[in-house]
């Protein structure tokens, strides 16, 4: 189940995040699914599951925790995923 991240929520390497691009009440085809690959005290880095259009590289985003809930709408998946994720050994970062 998807749960909204609010300011102060922390994520761990390997977590699955949905980047909400539109209204929080509607699911959009523009919503992208990311895997968290690195965490730090003030930010985390996530990589898109799908490559950018017309490019061979993955879409990477660095998110500051203080922006979550104010400037950026993100959701975290809690529970078993219906699709494969990055293996834990590829997802690196500090667990805090």
Protein backbone atom coordinates (compact mmCIF):
# COMPACT_ATOMS: atom_id res chain seq x y z
CA UNK A 1 0.00 0.00 0.00
CA UNK A 2 1.27 3.49 -0.84
CA UNK A 3 1.62 5.91 2.07
CA UNK A 4 2.43 9.61 1.73
CA UNK A 5 5.78 10.75 3.06
CA UNK A 6 5.55 13.76 5.30
CA UNK A 7 8.21 16.12 6.55
CA UNK A 8 10.40 14.30 9.05
CA UNK A 9 9.85 10.81 7.61
CA UNK A 10 13.08 8.96 6.82
CA UNK A 11 13.65 6.33 4.13
CA UNK A 12 16.11 3.43 3.91
CA UNK A 13 18.19 2.14 1.02
CA UNK A 14 16.06 -0.32 -0.94
CA UNK A 15 12.73 1.42 -0.20
CA UNK A 16 10.38 1.97 -3.14
CA UNK A 17 9.20 5.55 -3.70
CA UNK A 18 6.52 6.94 -6.02
CA UNK A 19 7.10 10.52 -7.21
CA UNK A 20 3.71 12.21 -7.44
CA UNK A 21 3.51 14.70 -10.29
CA UNK A 22 -0.14 15.67 -10.09
CA UNK A 23 -3.03 15.81 -7.68
CA UNK A 24 -2.53 13.72 -4.53
CA UNK A 25 -6.04 12.30 -5.02
CA UNK A 26 -5.45 10.92 -8.52
CA UNK A 27 -2.95 8.40 -9.83
CA UNK A 28 -1.25 9.68 -12.94
CA UNK A 29 0.59 7.87 -15.72
CA UNK A 30 3.33 10.47 -15.15
CA UNK A 31 3.97 9.17 -11.61
CA UNK A 32 7.37 7.50 -11.58
CA UNK A 33 8.58 4.63 -9.42
CA UNK A 34 12.04 4.93 -7.85
CA UNK A 35 14.29 2.80 -5.66
CA UNK A 36 16.24 4.51 -2.87
CA UNK A 37 19.95 3.79 -3.42
CA UNK A 38 21.64 6.09 -0.90
CA UNK A 39 20.57 7.74 2.33
CA UNK A 40 22.17 10.40 4.46
CA UNK A 41 21.10 12.52 7.41
CA UNK A 42 19.75 15.41 5.29
CA UNK A 43 19.00 13.83 1.91
CA UNK A 44 18.47 10.59 0.00
CA UNK A 45 19.17 9.56 -3.58
CA UNK A 46 16.79 7.54 -5.70
CA UNK A 47 16.97 5.97 -9.16
CA UNK A 48 14.03 5.45 -11.53
CA UNK A 49 13.10 1.93 -12.51
CA UNK A 50 12.75 2.95 -16.16
CA UNK A 51 15.30 4.76 -18.30
CA UNK A 52 14.73 8.30 -19.54
CA UNK A 53 13.11 8.55 -22.95
CA UNK A 54 15.77 8.62 -25.67
CA UNK A 55 18.59 7.92 -23.22
CA UNK A 56 20.42 4.89 -21.88
CA UNK A 57 20.90 6.30 -18.39
CA UNK A 58 18.53 6.06 -15.44
CA UNK A 59 16.77 9.09 -13.99
CA UNK A 60 18.49 9.90 -10.66
CA UNK A 61 17.14 12.36 -8.12
CA UNK A 62 18.59 13.68 -4.91
CA UNK A 63 15.88 14.70 -2.46
CA UNK A 64 16.33 16.83 0.65
CA UNK A 65 14.19 15.60 3.54
CA UNK A 66 13.11 19.18 4.29
CA UNK A 67 11.46 19.44 0.82
CA UNK A 68 9.30 16.32 1.30
CA UNK A 69 5.70 17.27 1.94
CA UNK A 70 6.26 20.96 1.17
CA UNK A 71 7.69 21.14 -2.37
CA UNK A 72 7.71 17.47 -3.36
CA UNK A 73 4.94 14.91 -3.08
CA UNK A 74 6.32 11.39 -2.50
CA UNK A 75 4.81 8.10 -1.41
CA UNK A 76 6.54 5.05 0.03
CA UNK A 77 5.42 1.47 -0.54
CA UNK A 78 4.72 -0.52 2.62
CA UNK A 79 4.17 -4.21 2.15
CA UNK A 80 5.05 -6.76 -0.52
CA UNK A 81 5.68 -5.34 -3.99
CA UNK A 82 3.93 -6.80 -7.03
CA UNK A 83 7.13 -6.34 -9.12
CA UNK A 84 10.90 -6.90 -8.66
CA UNK A 85 13.14 -4.42 -6.83
CA UNK A 86 16.86 -3.77 -6.80
CA UNK A 87 18.76 -6.47 -4.94
CA UNK A 88 19.82 -5.28 -1.47
CA UNK A 89 23.53 -5.53 -2.36
CA UNK A 90 23.05 -2.91 -5.14
CA UNK A 91 21.18 -0.53 -2.88
CA UNK A 92 23.86 1.16 -0.81
CA UNK A 93 23.70 3.82 1.81
CA UNK A 94 23.73 4.55 5.48
CA UNK A 95 20.88 3.13 7.49
CA UNK A 96 19.92 5.55 10.22
